[in-house]
Protein backbone atom coordinates (compact mmCIF):
# COMPACT_ATOMS: atom_id res chain seq x y z
CA MET A 1 -1.14 16.17 -15.77
CA ALA A 2 -2.81 12.86 -17.00
CA ASN A 3 -3.20 11.91 -20.59
CA GLU A 4 -6.83 12.95 -21.39
CA GLU A 5 -7.27 10.26 -24.12
CA HIS A 6 -6.03 7.80 -21.16
CA LEU A 7 -8.27 9.45 -18.36
CA ALA A 8 -11.22 9.46 -21.00
CA LEU A 9 -10.61 5.93 -21.26
CA LEU A 10 -10.73 4.95 -17.61
CA LYS A 11 -13.88 6.79 -16.59
CA GLN A 12 -15.92 4.89 -19.13
CA GLY A 13 -15.64 1.68 -16.86
CA VAL A 14 -13.15 -0.80 -16.38
CA GLU A 15 -14.52 -3.34 -19.21
CA ALA A 16 -13.69 -0.35 -21.71
CA TRP A 17 -10.18 0.02 -19.69
CA GLU A 18 -9.20 -3.40 -20.14
CA ASN A 19 -10.43 -3.89 -23.88
CA TRP A 20 -8.02 -0.84 -24.71
CA ARG A 21 -4.71 -2.34 -22.49
CA ARG A 22 -5.38 -5.76 -25.13
CA GLU A 23 -5.04 -3.70 -28.33
CA SER A 24 -2.79 -1.06 -27.20
CA THR A 25 0.72 -0.57 -27.47
CA ILE A 26 0.95 1.89 -24.72
CA MET A 27 2.85 -0.09 -21.69
CA GLU A 28 2.71 2.82 -18.86
CA PRO A 29 -0.70 4.50 -19.16
CA ASP A 30 -0.13 8.05 -17.72
CA LEU A 31 -2.85 9.10 -15.24
CA LYS A 32 -0.29 11.62 -13.05
CA ALA A 33 -2.95 14.01 -11.01
CA ALA A 34 -6.10 12.36 -12.26
CA ASP A 35 -9.04 12.96 -9.76
CA LEU A 36 -10.16 9.38 -9.81
CA ASN A 37 -12.04 10.23 -5.74
CA GLY A 38 -14.36 7.42 -5.35
CA ALA A 39 -14.11 5.77 -8.71
CA ASP A 40 -14.90 2.11 -9.12
CA LEU A 41 -11.81 0.37 -10.45
CA SER A 42 -12.08 -2.99 -8.57
CA GLY A 43 -9.72 -5.49 -10.73
CA ALA A 44 -8.51 -3.09 -13.30
CA ASN A 45 -4.95 -3.73 -15.03
CA LEU A 46 -3.66 -0.90 -13.96
CA ARG A 47 -0.31 -2.48 -14.22
CA VAL A 48 3.04 0.01 -15.01
CA THR A 49 0.49 2.74 -14.71
CA ASN A 50 1.72 6.43 -13.90
CA LEU A 51 -0.61 7.38 -11.45
CA SER A 52 1.77 9.73 -9.04
CA ALA A 53 -0.14 12.57 -7.42
CA ALA A 54 -3.74 11.27 -8.07
CA ASP A 55 -6.94 11.86 -6.47
CA LEU A 56 -7.89 8.01 -5.05
CA SER A 57 -9.18 8.92 -2.19
CA ALA A 58 -12.44 6.70 -1.10
CA ALA A 59 -11.69 4.60 -4.49
CA ASN A 60 -12.52 0.84 -5.14
CA LEU A 61 -9.30 -0.39 -6.41
CA SER A 62 -10.20 -4.00 -4.72
CA ASN A 63 -8.54 -7.22 -6.60
CA THR A 64 -6.70 -4.34 -8.76
CA ASP A 65 -3.58 -4.91 -10.74
CA LEU A 66 -0.94 -2.32 -9.45
CA ASN A 67 1.99 -4.55 -10.36
CA SER A 68 4.91 -1.79 -10.44
CA ALA A 69 2.47 1.22 -10.51
CA ASP A 70 4.28 4.94 -9.37
CA LEU A 71 1.54 6.17 -7.01
CA SER A 72 4.10 8.03 -5.02
CA GLY A 73 2.18 11.19 -3.56
CA ALA A 74 -1.36 10.00 -4.33
CA ASP A 75 -4.35 10.25 -2.17
CA LEU A 76 -5.10 7.45 -1.25
CA SER A 77 -6.88 7.83 2.01
CA ARG A 78 -10.23 5.93 2.66
CA ALA A 79 -9.63 3.50 -0.58
CA ASN A 80 -10.60 0.00 -0.87
CA LEU A 81 -7.10 -2.16 -1.89
CA SER A 82 -7.91 -5.51 -0.56
CA ASN A 83 -6.48 -8.39 -1.83
CA THR A 84 -5.17 -5.64 -4.95
CA ASP A 85 -1.39 -6.30 -6.16
CA LEU A 86 1.17 -3.75 -5.27
CA PHE A 87 4.31 -5.78 -5.63
CA THR A 88 7.14 -3.13 -6.32
CA ALA A 89 4.65 -0.51 -6.50
CA ARG A 90 5.99 2.68 -6.01
CA ILE A 91 3.93 4.53 -3.17
CA ARG A 92 6.60 6.55 -1.91
CA GLY A 93 4.89 9.81 0.64
CA ALA A 94 1.01 8.54 -0.34
CA ASP A 95 -1.75 9.40 1.84
CA LEU A 96 -2.93 5.86 3.31
CA ARG A 97 -4.67 7.24 5.94
CA GLY A 98 -7.55 4.90 6.87
CA ALA A 99 -7.10 2.71 3.90
CA ASN A 100 -8.42 -0.75 3.40
CA LEU A 101 -5.10 -3.43 2.80
CA ILE A 102 -6.44 -6.28 4.00
CA SER A 103 -4.36 -9.21 1.94
CA ALA A 104 -2.84 -6.53 -0.27
CA ASN A 105 0.22 -7.76 -1.93
CA LEU A 106 3.00 -5.02 -1.36
CA ILE A 107 6.17 -7.30 -1.53
CA ALA A 108 9.51 -4.91 -2.41
CA ALA A 109 6.99 -1.82 -2.33
CA ASP A 110 8.34 1.75 -1.66
CA LEU A 111 6.39 3.27 0.95
CA ARG A 112 9.17 5.74 1.98
CA GLY A 113 7.65 8.20 4.05
CA ALA A 114 3.80 7.08 3.11
CA ASP A 115 1.12 8.30 6.07
CA LEU A 116 -0.87 4.84 6.92
CA ARG A 117 -2.63 5.94 10.03
CA GLY A 118 -5.36 3.83 10.74
CA ALA A 119 -5.11 1.83 7.85
CA ASN A 120 -5.85 -1.92 7.70
CA LEU A 121 -2.80 -3.87 6.97
CA MET A 122 -4.37 -7.20 8.09
CA SER A 123 -2.86 -10.63 6.64
CA ALA A 124 -1.20 -7.77 3.83
CA ASN A 125 2.53 -9.30 2.55
CA LEU A 126 4.85 -6.28 3.22
CA SER A 127 8.45 -8.17 3.15
CA GLY A 128 11.08 -6.43 1.63
CA SER A 129 9.13 -3.73 1.67
CA ASN A 130 10.69 -0.77 2.39
CA LEU A 131 8.79 1.51 5.35
CA SER A 132 11.20 3.92 6.79
CA ASP A 133 10.07 7.32 8.01
CA ALA A 134 6.53 5.48 7.36
CA ASN A 135 3.70 6.85 10.14
CA LEU A 136 1.85 3.32 10.65
CA SER A 137 0.31 4.58 13.81
CA GLU A 138 -3.06 3.11 15.23
CA ALA A 139 -2.86 0.65 11.66
CA ASN A 140 -3.91 -2.95 11.89
CA LEU A 141 -0.94 -4.99 10.78
CA ASN A 142 -2.57 -7.95 12.48
CA GLY A 143 -1.13 -11.25 10.55
CA ALA A 144 0.98 -9.20 8.24
CA ASP A 145 3.94 -10.27 6.63
CA LEU A 146 7.03 -7.49 7.29
CA ARG A 147 9.80 -10.15 6.84
CA GLY A 148 13.08 -8.44 6.00
CA SER A 149 11.08 -5.05 5.95
CA ASN A 150 12.92 -1.84 6.32
CA PHE A 151 11.65 0.03 9.36
CA SER A 152 13.80 3.59 10.03
CA VAL A 153 12.97 6.04 11.50
CA SER A 154 8.98 4.85 10.89
CA ASP A 155 5.98 5.32 13.58
CA LEU A 156 4.38 2.19 15.41
CA THR A 157 2.68 3.98 17.81
CA GLY A 158 -0.58 2.08 19.15
CA THR A 159 -0.23 -0.27 15.64
CA ASN A 160 -1.50 -3.79 16.09
CA LEU A 161 1.88 -6.28 15.18
CA SER A 162 -0.13 -9.48 17.11
CA ASN A 163 1.09 -12.66 14.98
CA VAL A 164 3.21 -10.58 12.71
CA ASP A 165 6.41 -11.68 11.13
CA MET A 166 9.12 -9.32 11.26
CA ALA A 167 12.15 -11.85 10.72
CA GLY A 168 15.35 -9.62 9.29
CA ALA A 169 13.43 -6.25 9.02
CA VAL A 170 16.52 -3.35 9.04
CA ASP A 171 16.57 -0.85 11.45
CA PHE A 172 14.00 -1.87 14.08
CA ASP A 173 16.05 -0.67 16.83
CA ILE A 174 15.06 2.89 16.40
CA VAL A 175 11.46 2.52 15.27
CA ARG A 176 9.07 4.11 17.65
CA LEU A 177 6.49 1.24 19.49
CA LYS A 178 4.77 3.45 22.19
CA ASP A 179 1.28 1.55 23.05
CA ALA A 180 1.71 -1.12 20.48
CA ILE A 181 0.28 -4.46 20.75
CA LEU A 182 2.96 -6.78 20.03
CA CYS A 183 0.83 -10.35 20.71
CA ASN A 184 2.76 -13.22 19.23
CA THR A 185 4.91 -11.44 17.34
CA ILE A 186 8.25 -12.44 15.80
CA ILE A 187 10.38 -9.72 16.03
CA PRO A 188 13.50 -8.83 13.92
CA ASP A 189 15.83 -11.27 16.31
CA GLY A 190 13.57 -14.32 15.62
CA SER A 191 12.62 -14.13 19.01
CA ILE A 192 8.71 -13.64 19.85
CA ARG A 193 7.06 -10.52 22.01
CA ASP A 194 3.94 -11.09 24.17
CA ASP A 195 3.45 -7.04 24.97
CA GLY A 196 0.09 -6.25 25.64
CA CYS A 197 -1.91 -9.57 24.86
C-alpha cells in the first residue's frame, strides 16, 4: 500500500508535491496501489517513484517526469501521457489501453506484457524498449522510433506502423502483423515495407 503521507502530499496538488520533493531526502516516494483515478498530475516530478499497481486510469500525466519509475501492473488506461519522460521506466504488465503516449520518451522502458491496445504512440521514442509479449493491436505508432526494441511474441494486429523505424529490432520474425499498416516502414533488416499504403 501507498505511504499515506506521500499520497496525502500528492493529493494537495503538484505545487505542494514539488515543494516537498525539493526539500525531502526521500529519493523513492511510495505510491504503490494508490488510487489516483482521473488525477491531474501534469508536470509532476514522479521520478523513481513506486506507482506499481496504482490506479492512474484517465489521469493527466502529460509532461510528467516518470524517469525510472515503477508502474508495473498499474492501470493507465485512457491516461494522458503525452510528452512524458518514461526513460527506463518499469511498465511491465500495465494496462495502457487507449492511453495517449504521443511523443512520450520510452527509451529502454520495460513494457513486457503491457496491454497497449488502441494506444496512441505517435512519434513516441521506444528505442531499446522491451515490448515482448505486449499487446499493441490497433495502436497508432505512426512516426515512432522502435530501433533496437524487443518484440518477442508481441501482437501488432491492425497496428499503424507507418513511417516507423524498426532497424535492429529483436525477434521481429515471430510478431503478429495481421492487418498492420506498414507504409514507409523500416523493418529490422533495414529494408522498407509499403504494405497497406
